Amino acid sequence: MMSRRLMILTLSMGLGLGALARPAYADPNYLEQAISDTKEAIAAGNQMEAASFVEHIDDAYDHARSAVWQTPVDPIRKGIKYLRKAAKLARGTSMDKRIAKATEQAQLALEQFQSVK
């Protein structure tokens, strides 16, 4: 029978190594997903669909934040700022003027993301 200390040490080492293990598959390309989501948001913004626009902007924002961890460059950071501004402009509104301005911000973000490629 193992002593209590040895059992605790064994379990903690096993859990610690399991937490540090990386998955065997490759990471998805987050920048490509951010570009795709931003294009979908722009399409929704051009049709003045505020709810769909904000949903796609939020998805693009999440993917862009993951992309900046993979490739820490300034254009991605600038694109993230444009996405935040676009979401702030479009969230909770149905005014065509604000959605149009938010769509412009999303287009600026898309330009920044595409400049990285």
C-alpha atoms as a PDB file:
ATOM      1  CA  MET A   1       0.000   0.000   0.000  1.00  0.00           C
ATOM      2  CA  MET A   2       1.352   3.403  -0.981  1.00  0.00           C
ATOM      3  CA  SER A   3       1.742   6.064   1.592  1.00  0.00           C
ATOM      4  CA  ARG A   4      -0.543   9.017   1.446  1.00  0.00           C
ATOM      5  CA  ARG A   5       2.277  11.445   0.551  1.00  0.00           C
ATOM      6  CA  LEU A   6       3.478   9.296  -2.341  1.00  0.00           C
ATOM      7  CA  MET A   7      -0.056   8.988  -3.684  1.00  0.00           C
ATOM      8  CA  ILE A   8      -0.620  12.766  -3.495  1.00  0.00           C
ATOM      9  CA  LEU A   9       2.721  13.409  -5.191  1.00  0.00           C
ATOM     10  CA  THR A  10       1.923  10.936  -7.971  1.00  0.00           C
ATOM     11  CA  LEU A  11      -1.516  12.416  -8.590  1.00  0.00           C
ATOM     12  CA  SER A  12      -0.287  15.997  -8.570  1.00  0.00           C
ATOM     13  CA  MET A  13       2.523  15.194 -11.022  1.00  0.00           C
ATOM     14  CA  GLY A  14       0.104  13.407 -13.327  1.00  0.00           C
ATOM     15  CA  LEU A  15      -2.348  16.290 -13.256  1.00  0.00           C
ATOM     16  CA  GLY A  16       0.447  18.809 -13.742  1.00  0.00           C
ATOM     17  CA  LEU A  17       1.837  17.031 -16.779  1.00  0.00           C
ATOM     18  CA  GLY A  18      -1.656  16.634 -18.210  1.00  0.00           C
ATOM     19  CA  ALA A  19      -2.267  20.362 -17.939  1.00  0.00           C
ATOM     20  CA  LEU A  20       0.969  21.162 -19.773  1.00  0.00           C
ATOM     21  CA  ALA A  21       0.398  18.698 -22.595  1.00  0.00           C
ATOM     22  CA  ARG A  22      -0.357  20.251 -25.976  1.00  0.00           C
ATOM     23  CA  PRO A  23      -2.834  18.741 -28.388  1.00  0.00           C
ATOM     24  CA  ALA A  24      -1.363  16.654 -31.198  1.00  0.00           C
ATOM     25  CA  TYR A  25      -3.175  18.567 -33.955  1.00  0.00           C
ATOM     26  CA  ALA A  26      -2.017  21.873 -35.407  1.00  0.00           C
ATOM     27  CA  ASP A  27      -3.526  25.151 -34.273  1.00  0.00           C
ATOM     28  CA  PRO A  28      -6.116  26.603 -36.655  1.00  0.00           C
ATOM     29  CA  ASN A  29      -5.206  29.729 -38.540  1.00  0.00           C
ATOM     30  CA  TYR A  30      -6.969  32.348 -36.465  1.00  0.00           C
ATOM     31  CA  LEU A  31      -6.105  35.231 -38.780  1.00  0.00           C
ATOM     32  CA  GLU A  32      -7.905  33.554 -41.693  1.00  0.00           C
ATOM     33  CA  GLN A  33     -10.963  33.050 -39.477  1.00  0.00           C
ATOM     34  CA  ALA A  34     -10.836  36.699 -38.364  1.00  0.00           C
ATOM     35  CA  ILE A  35     -10.699  37.823 -41.992  1.00  0.00           C
ATOM     36  CA  SER A  36     -13.628  35.574 -42.899  1.00  0.00           C
ATOM     37  CA  ASP A  37     -15.743  36.783 -39.965  1.00  0.00           C
ATOM     38  CA  THR A  38     -14.913  40.412 -40.751  1.00  0.00           C
ATOM     39  CA  LYS A  39     -16.034  39.953 -44.372  1.00  0.00           C
ATOM     40  CA  GLU A  40     -19.311  38.429 -43.152  1.00  0.00           C
ATOM     41  CA  ALA A  41     -19.771  41.360 -40.772  1.00  0.00           C
ATOM     42  CA  ILE A  42     -19.206  43.840 -43.590  1.00  0.00           C
ATOM     43  CA  ALA A  43     -21.803  42.041 -45.712  1.00  0.00           C
ATOM     44  CA  ALA A  44     -24.291  42.192 -42.817  1.00  0.00           C
ATOM     45  CA  GLY A  45     -23.466  45.869 -42.238  1.00  0.00           C
ATOM     46  CA  ASN A  46     -24.068  46.707 -45.889  1.00  0.00           C
ATOM     47  CA  GLN A  47     -27.527  45.149 -45.519  1.00  0.00           C
ATOM     48  CA  MET A  48     -28.082  47.175 -42.308  1.00  0.00           C
ATOM     49  CA  GLU A  49     -28.501  44.062 -40.141  1.00  0.00           C
ATOM     50  CA  ALA A  50     -27.103  45.332 -36.845  1.00  0.00           C
ATOM     51  CA  ALA A  51     -27.540  42.147 -34.787  1.00  0.00           C
ATOM     52  CA  SER A  52     -25.820  39.949 -37.355  1.00  0.00           C
ATOM     53  CA  PHE A  53     -23.099  42.564 -37.797  1.00  0.00           C
ATOM     54  CA  VAL A  54     -22.306  42.632 -34.083  1.00  0.00           C
ATOM     55  CA  GLU A  55     -22.311  38.830 -33.871  1.00  0.00           C
ATOM     56  CA  HIS A  56     -19.777  38.518 -36.702  1.00  0.00           C
ATOM     57  CA  ILE A  57     -17.664  41.347 -35.304  1.00  0.00           C
ATOM     58  CA  ASP A  58     -17.531  39.600 -31.929  1.00  0.00           C
ATOM     59  CA  ASP A  59     -16.416  36.358 -33.605  1.00  0.00           C
ATOM     60  CA  ALA A  60     -13.788  38.226 -35.633  1.00  0.00           C
ATOM     61  CA  TYR A  61     -12.574  39.949 -32.468  1.00  0.00           C
ATOM     62  CA  ASP A  62     -12.123  36.613 -30.677  1.00  0.00           C
ATOM     63  CA  HIS A  63     -10.211  35.111 -33.593  1.00  0.00           C
ATOM     64  CA  ALA A  64      -8.068  38.224 -34.015  1.00  0.00           C
ATOM     65  CA  ARG A  65      -7.107  38.142 -30.344  1.00  0.00           C
ATOM     66  CA  SER A  66      -6.011  34.541 -30.774  1.00  0.00           C
ATOM     67  CA  ALA A  67      -4.141  35.480 -33.964  1.00  0.00           C
ATOM     68  CA  VAL A  68      -2.178  38.192 -32.192  1.00  0.00           C
ATOM     69  CA  TRP A  69      -0.827  35.512 -29.839  1.00  0.00           C
ATOM     70  CA  GLN A  70       0.383  33.488 -32.822  1.00  0.00           C
ATOM     71  CA  THR A  71       1.692  36.479 -34.800  1.00  0.00           C
ATOM     72  CA  PRO A  72       2.235  39.509 -32.557  1.00  0.00           C
ATOM     73  CA  VAL A  73       2.356  42.306 -35.149  1.00  0.00           C
ATOM     74  CA  ASP A  74       0.961  45.834 -35.069  1.00  0.00           C
ATOM     75  CA  PRO A  75      -1.519  45.535 -37.992  1.00  0.00           C
ATOM     76  CA  ILE A  76      -3.437  42.838 -36.124  1.00  0.00           C
ATOM     77  CA  ARG A  77      -3.501  44.999 -33.007  1.00  0.00           C
ATOM     78  CA  LYS A  78      -4.787  47.958 -35.051  1.00  0.00           C
ATOM     79  CA  GLY A  79      -7.415  45.722 -36.630  1.00  0.00           C
ATOM     80  CA  ILE A  80      -8.569  44.660 -33.175  1.00  0.00           C
ATOM     81  CA  LYS A  81      -8.997  48.324 -32.211  1.00  0.00           C
ATOM     82  CA  TYR A  82     -11.096  48.934 -35.322  1.00  0.00           C
ATOM     83  CA  LEU A  83     -13.244  45.887 -34.499  1.00  0.00           C
ATOM     84  CA  ARG A  84     -13.828  47.147 -30.957  1.00  0.00           C
ATOM     85  CA  LYS A  85     -14.875  50.541 -32.277  1.00  0.00           C
ATOM     86  CA  ALA A  86     -17.181  48.918 -34.845  1.00  0.00           C
ATOM     87  CA  ALA A  87     -18.858  46.808 -32.175  1.00  0.00           C
ATOM     88  CA  LYS A  88     -19.263  49.838 -29.920  1.00  0.00           C
ATOM     89  CA  LEU A  89     -20.890  51.840 -32.726  1.00  0.00           C
ATOM     90  CA  ALA A  90     -23.304  49.101 -33.822  1.00  0.00           C
ATOM     91  CA  ARG A  91     -24.253  47.508 -30.520  1.00  0.00           C
ATOM     92  CA  GLY A  92     -27.762  48.350 -29.393  1.00  0.00           C
ATOM     93  CA  THR A  93     -28.715  50.548 -32.327  1.00  0.00           C
ATOM     94  CA  SER A  94     -30.760  50.337 -35.477  1.00  0.00           C
ATOM     95  CA  MET A  95     -29.693  53.711 -36.859  1.00  0.00           C
ATOM     96  CA  ASP A  96     -28.461  53.301 -40.410  1.00  0.00           C
ATOM     97  CA  LYS A  97     -25.875  56.048 -39.990  1.00  0.00           C
ATOM     98  CA  ARG A  98     -24.182  54.326 -37.033  1.00  0.00           C
ATOM     99  CA  ILE A  99     -24.232  50.945 -38.738  1.00  0.00           C
ATOM    100  CA  ALA A 100     -22.639  52.515 -41.817  1.00  0.00           C
ATOM    101  CA  LYS A 101     -19.864  54.024 -39.660  1.00  0.00           C
ATOM    102  CA  ALA A 102     -19.370  50.682 -37.926  1.00  0.00           C
ATOM    103  CA  THR A 103     -19.106  48.986 -41.327  1.00  0.00           C
ATOM    104  CA  GLU A 104     -16.387  51.481 -42.299  1.00  0.00           C
ATOM    105  CA  GLN A 105     -14.469  50.550 -39.158  1.00  0.00           C
ATOM    106  CA  ALA A 106     -14.819  46.864 -40.023  1.00  0.00           C
ATOM    107  CA  GLN A 107     -13.441  47.565 -43.507  1.00  0.00           C
ATOM    108  CA  LEU A 108     -10.435  49.297 -41.960  1.00  0.00           C
ATOM    109  CA  ALA A 109      -9.899  46.266 -39.727  1.00  0.00           C
ATOM    110  CA  LEU A 110     -10.095  43.971 -42.756  1.00  0.00           C
ATOM    111  CA  GLU A 111      -7.419  46.031 -44.530  1.00  0.00           C
ATOM    112  CA  GLN A 112      -5.151  45.708 -41.497  1.00  0.00           C
ATOM    113  CA  PHE A 113      -5.650  41.940 -41.297  1.00  0.00           C
ATOM    114  CA  GLN A 114      -5.037  41.457 -45.014  1.00  0.00           C
ATOM    115  CA  SER A 115      -1.835  43.500 -44.850  1.00  0.00           C
ATOM    116  CA  VAL A 116      -0.318  40.832 -42.580  1.00  0.00           C
ATOM    117  CA  LYS A 117      -0.660  38.080 -45.179  1.00  0.00           C
END
